[in-house]
Each structure stands twice: as structure tokens, then as C-alpha cells.
N, C-alpha and C. Protein backbone atom coordinates (compact mmCIF):
# COMPACT_ATOMS: atom_id res chain seq x y z
N MET A 1 59.99 -82.13 -30.76
CA MET A 1 60.93 -80.91 -30.71
C MET A 1 62.09 -80.45 -30.80
N GLU A 2 62.08 -79.46 -31.69
CA GLU A 2 62.79 -78.91 -32.37
C GLU A 2 63.72 -78.34 -31.69
N THR A 3 65.40 -78.42 -31.57
CA THR A 3 66.17 -78.05 -30.49
C THR A 3 67.17 -76.69 -31.37
N LYS A 4 66.86 -75.50 -30.10
CA LYS A 4 66.68 -74.41 -30.22
C LYS A 4 68.53 -73.81 -30.35
N LYS A 5 68.82 -73.55 -30.87
CA LYS A 5 69.76 -72.93 -31.87
C LYS A 5 69.77 -71.18 -30.95
N TYR A 6 71.84 -70.99 -30.68
CA TYR A 6 71.16 -69.70 -29.28
C TYR A 6 73.25 -69.48 -29.95
N SER A 7 72.76 -67.96 -30.28
CA SER A 7 73.97 -66.91 -31.06
C SER A 7 74.87 -67.14 -29.35
N SER A 8 74.00 -66.69 -28.65
CA SER A 8 75.25 -65.96 -27.80
C SER A 8 74.95 -66.43 -26.39
N TYR A 9 75.25 -65.85 -24.90
CA TYR A 9 74.87 -66.31 -23.53
C TYR A 9 74.02 -66.06 -23.04
N ALA A 10 73.87 -64.45 -24.07
CA ALA A 10 72.45 -63.87 -23.33
C ALA A 10 71.48 -64.22 -24.01
N GLN A 11 71.44 -64.81 -25.15
CA GLN A 11 69.96 -65.37 -25.26
C GLN A 11 69.50 -66.77 -24.86
N ILE A 12 70.41 -67.55 -24.22
CA ILE A 12 70.35 -69.05 -23.28
C ILE A 12 69.73 -68.36 -21.70
N GLU A 13 71.06 -67.34 -20.92
CA GLU A 13 70.35 -66.61 -19.94
C GLU A 13 68.89 -66.12 -20.28
N LEU A 14 68.33 -65.48 -20.78
CA LEU A 14 67.72 -64.77 -21.30
C LEU A 14 66.42 -66.13 -20.95
N GLU A 15 66.88 -67.62 -22.24
CA GLU A 15 65.67 -68.45 -22.24
C GLU A 15 65.75 -69.25 -20.87
N LEU A 16 67.04 -68.69 -19.59
CA LEU A 16 66.91 -69.92 -18.53
C LEU A 16 65.70 -69.27 -17.75
N GLU A 17 65.85 -67.66 -17.39
CA GLU A 17 65.03 -66.98 -16.67
C GLU A 17 63.59 -67.07 -17.30
N ILE A 18 63.61 -66.76 -18.22
CA ILE A 18 62.37 -67.48 -19.37
C ILE A 18 61.48 -68.51 -18.00
N LEU A 19 62.18 -70.03 -18.85
CA LEU A 19 61.51 -70.20 -17.53
C LEU A 19 61.77 -70.90 -15.98
N ARG A 20 62.90 -69.77 -15.37
CA ARG A 20 62.43 -69.98 -14.33
C ARG A 20 61.41 -69.45 -13.93
N LEU A 21 60.73 -68.36 -14.08
CA LEU A 21 59.34 -67.75 -14.31
C LEU A 21 58.55 -68.19 -14.46
N GLU A 22 58.55 -68.96 -15.30
CA GLU A 22 57.50 -70.08 -15.85
C GLU A 22 56.91 -71.26 -14.99
N LYS A 23 58.18 -71.26 -14.32
CA LYS A 23 58.40 -72.44 -13.28
C LYS A 23 57.91 -72.31 -11.84
N GLU A 24 58.10 -70.84 -11.48
CA GLU A 24 57.71 -70.32 -10.67
C GLU A 24 56.02 -69.68 -10.25
N LEU A 25 55.92 -69.51 -11.51
CA LEU A 25 53.98 -69.59 -11.84
C LEU A 25 53.64 -70.52 -11.31
N ASN A 26 54.27 -71.20 -12.15
CA ASN A 26 52.91 -72.77 -12.09
C ASN A 26 52.71 -73.62 -11.02
N LEU A 27 54.10 -73.15 -9.95
CA LEU A 27 54.15 -73.29 -9.23
C LEU A 27 53.39 -72.40 -7.77
N GLN A 28 53.83 -71.11 -8.27
CA GLN A 28 51.94 -70.33 -6.93
C GLN A 28 50.33 -70.93 -7.59
N LYS A 29 50.00 -71.41 -9.12
CA LYS A 29 49.43 -71.23 -9.52
C LYS A 29 48.86 -73.22 -8.44
N ILE A 30 49.46 -73.69 -8.31
CA ILE A 30 49.75 -74.65 -7.95
C ILE A 30 49.09 -74.57 -6.42
N VAL A 31 49.99 -73.73 -5.39
CA VAL A 31 49.25 -73.34 -3.80
C VAL A 31 48.20 -72.77 -4.16
N LEU A 32 48.36 -72.12 -4.73
CA LEU A 32 46.83 -71.39 -4.52
C LEU A 32 45.79 -72.00 -5.40
N ASP A 33 46.01 -73.01 -6.06
CA ASP A 33 45.07 -74.14 -6.17
C ASP A 33 44.21 -74.75 -4.91
N TYR A 34 45.65 -75.59 -4.50
CA TYR A 34 45.38 -75.60 -3.23
C TYR A 34 44.60 -76.17 -1.50
N GLU A 35 45.25 -74.73 -1.70
CA GLU A 35 43.91 -73.62 -0.69
C GLU A 35 42.78 -73.35 -0.88
N LYS A 36 42.22 -72.62 -1.85
CA LYS A 36 40.94 -72.75 -2.57
C LYS A 36 40.51 -74.13 -2.15
N ALA A 37 40.95 -75.61 -2.55
CA ALA A 37 40.22 -76.46 -2.00
C ALA A 37 40.15 -77.08 -1.03
N GLU A 38 40.87 -76.94 0.45
CA GLU A 38 41.39 -76.56 1.52
C GLU A 38 40.12 -75.79 1.26
N GLU A 39 39.55 -74.69 1.31
CA GLU A 39 39.03 -73.32 1.79
C GLU A 39 37.40 -73.92 1.51
N SER A 40 37.34 -75.18 0.59
CA SER A 40 36.07 -75.26 0.10
C SER A 40 35.62 -76.64 0.67
N LEU A 41 36.94 -76.94 1.39
CA LEU A 41 36.05 -78.25 2.18
C LEU A 41 35.48 -78.11 3.43
N LEU A 42 36.20 -76.90 4.18
CA LEU A 42 35.78 -76.35 5.47
C LEU A 42 34.44 -76.72 5.22
N LEU A 43 33.92 -76.61 6.78
CA LEU A 43 32.59 -77.50 6.68
C LEU A 43 31.37 -76.65 6.49
N LYS A 44 31.70 -74.77 7.45
CA LYS A 44 30.88 -74.32 7.14
C LYS A 44 30.52 -73.55 5.58
N ASN A 45 32.04 -74.00 4.45
CA ASN A 45 31.83 -74.26 2.72
C ASN A 45 30.51 -75.29 2.42
N ILE A 46 31.00 -75.77 3.46
CA ILE A 46 30.20 -77.53 2.53
C ILE A 46 28.21 -76.89 2.86
N ILE A 47 28.73 -76.94 4.06
CA ILE A 47 27.07 -76.11 4.46
C ILE A 47 26.63 -74.67 3.56
N LYS A 48 27.25 -74.49 3.41
CA LYS A 48 26.71 -72.88 2.12
C LYS A 48 26.36 -73.36 1.21
N GLY A 49 27.25 -73.72 0.37
CA GLY A 49 26.92 -74.72 -0.84
C GLY A 49 25.68 -75.09 -0.41
N PHE A 50 25.59 -76.16 0.23
CA PHE A 50 24.13 -76.47 -0.02
C PHE A 50 23.25 -76.32 0.54
N LEU A 51 22.56 -74.96 1.55
CA LEU A 51 21.62 -74.35 2.01
C LEU A 51 21.67 -73.31 -0.06
N GLY A 52 22.29 -73.13 -0.58
CA GLY A 52 22.77 -72.12 -1.64
C GLY A 52 21.74 -73.07 -2.89
N ASP A 53 22.82 -74.27 -2.21
CA ASP A 53 21.48 -75.34 -3.45
C ASP A 53 20.14 -75.26 -3.45
N TYR A 54 19.95 -75.58 -1.17
CA TYR A 54 18.80 -75.80 -0.85
C TYR A 54 17.45 -74.65 -1.79
N LYS A 55 18.60 -73.65 -1.65
CA LYS A 55 17.32 -71.94 -1.86
C LYS A 55 17.54 -71.90 -2.89
N SER A 56 18.55 -72.82 -4.44
CA SER A 56 17.98 -72.96 -5.93
C SER A 56 17.08 -73.00 -5.82
N ILE A 57 16.55 -73.68 -5.29
CA ILE A 57 15.65 -75.48 -5.73
C ILE A 57 13.88 -75.09 -5.35
N LEU A 58 13.93 -74.65 -4.24
CA LEU A 58 12.86 -73.71 -3.01
C LEU A 58 12.43 -72.61 -4.20
N SER A 59 13.58 -72.05 -5.45
CA SER A 59 13.05 -70.78 -6.14
C SER A 59 12.13 -70.94 -6.99
N ASN A 60 12.35 -71.76 -7.73
CA ASN A 60 11.28 -72.04 -8.50
C ASN A 60 10.26 -73.06 -8.94
N SER A 61 9.13 -72.86 -9.21
CA SER A 61 7.73 -73.47 -8.50
C SER A 61 7.50 -74.39 -8.54
N SER A 62 8.39 -75.30 -8.22
CA SER A 62 8.12 -76.41 -7.85
C SER A 62 8.31 -76.22 -6.17
N GLY A 63 8.92 -75.50 -5.66
CA GLY A 63 10.08 -74.95 -4.85
C GLY A 63 8.92 -74.56 -3.48
N MET A 64 7.38 -73.95 -4.43
CA MET A 64 6.75 -72.93 -3.90
C MET A 64 5.79 -74.95 -2.97
N ILE A 65 5.99 -75.76 -3.88
CA ILE A 65 5.15 -77.44 -3.07
C ILE A 65 6.24 -77.95 -1.56
N LEU A 66 7.43 -77.22 -2.37
CA LEU A 66 8.39 -77.93 -1.26
C LEU A 66 8.85 -77.24 0.14
N ASN A 67 8.34 -75.75 -0.08
CA ASN A 67 8.21 -74.39 1.26
C ASN A 67 6.95 -74.87 1.93
N ILE A 68 5.77 -76.24 1.13
CA ILE A 68 5.10 -76.38 1.97
C ILE A 68 4.90 -77.38 2.67
N VAL A 69 5.38 -78.62 1.33
CA VAL A 69 5.39 -79.95 2.37
C VAL A 69 6.42 -80.19 3.38
N ILE A 70 7.78 -79.88 3.42
CA ILE A 70 8.91 -79.29 4.18
C ILE A 70 8.14 -79.67 5.67
N PRO A 71 7.66 -78.38 5.59
CA PRO A 71 7.68 -78.40 6.93
C PRO A 71 6.00 -79.01 8.05
N LEU A 72 5.43 -79.27 6.99
CA LEU A 72 4.37 -80.70 7.30
C LEU A 72 5.43 -81.79 7.75
N ILE A 73 5.95 -82.33 7.65
CA ILE A 73 7.13 -83.77 7.45
C ILE A 73 7.80 -83.56 8.55
N ILE A 74 8.04 -82.17 9.04
CA ILE A 74 9.38 -82.07 10.19
C ILE A 74 8.40 -82.15 11.25
N ASN A 75 6.82 -80.91 10.62
CA ASN A 75 6.38 -81.52 12.05
C ASN A 75 5.56 -83.24 12.34
N TRP A 76 5.29 -83.12 11.09
CA TRP A 76 4.84 -85.02 11.44
C TRP A 76 5.87 -85.78 12.43
N PHE A 77 7.20 -85.18 11.95
CA PHE A 77 8.34 -86.21 12.49
C PHE A 77 8.00 -85.84 14.02
N THR A 78 8.56 -84.31 14.41
CA THR A 78 8.14 -84.05 15.73
C THR A 78 6.91 -84.63 16.78
N LYS A 79 6.25 -84.74 16.17
CA LYS A 79 4.75 -85.12 16.89
C LYS A 79 5.18 -86.66 16.71
N ARG A 80 5.08 -87.00 16.48
CA ARG A 80 5.18 -88.92 15.98
C ARG A 80 5.54 -89.45 17.17
N LYS A 81 4.51 -90.04 17.23
CA LYS A 81 4.59 -90.93 19.28
C LYS A 81 5.88 -92.18 18.95
N ARG A 82 6.30 -92.25 20.47
CA ARG A 82 7.74 -92.90 19.47
C ARG A 82 6.89 -94.85 19.80
N GLY A 83 7.94 -95.40 18.73
CA GLY A 83 6.77 -97.25 18.73
C GLY A 83 6.04 -97.48 16.96
N ASP A 84 5.86 -96.03 16.88
CA ASP A 84 4.68 -95.86 16.28
C ASP A 84 5.42 -96.48 14.60
């Protein structure tokens, strides 16, 4: 990295102010990313994500087959005798 040369204290102060602002901006980005990650790990958002994926799977042509098969499997499990 090349050493910068300044001709006045005003240039140095300006550079320091720019660096302070960049530091604050980066800190705010980190906080925002942390909040987004924390929010995405909430149970309701995990369930919404899963249901969204499930709906997208069911929307294509193989989804029609799954729409028929899944209720049949659920009925089979609910009607199954214990011990069978």
C-alpha cells in the first residue's frame, strides 16, 4: 500500500472523517445483517419458508401426483391399527 502525502491538516481531517463514516456504515451493515439472520431463525419464518418450498414443489406437474398421494398416505397412517 502506498503512503499518502497530505499538504494540510484539513486534508488529514477530511480523510479521518471519511474513515469514521465508513466505519460507522460498516458497523450498521453488520447490525442489520445480524437482525436479518435473527429474524430468519424465528420458528414462524422457518415454517413459512418450508411451506413456501412445499407449495412451489406442488405447483409443478409432479406436484399434482403429490397432491393425490399425500392425503392417501395420511389417511393410511390415521386408519392404521396399532401394532400392525
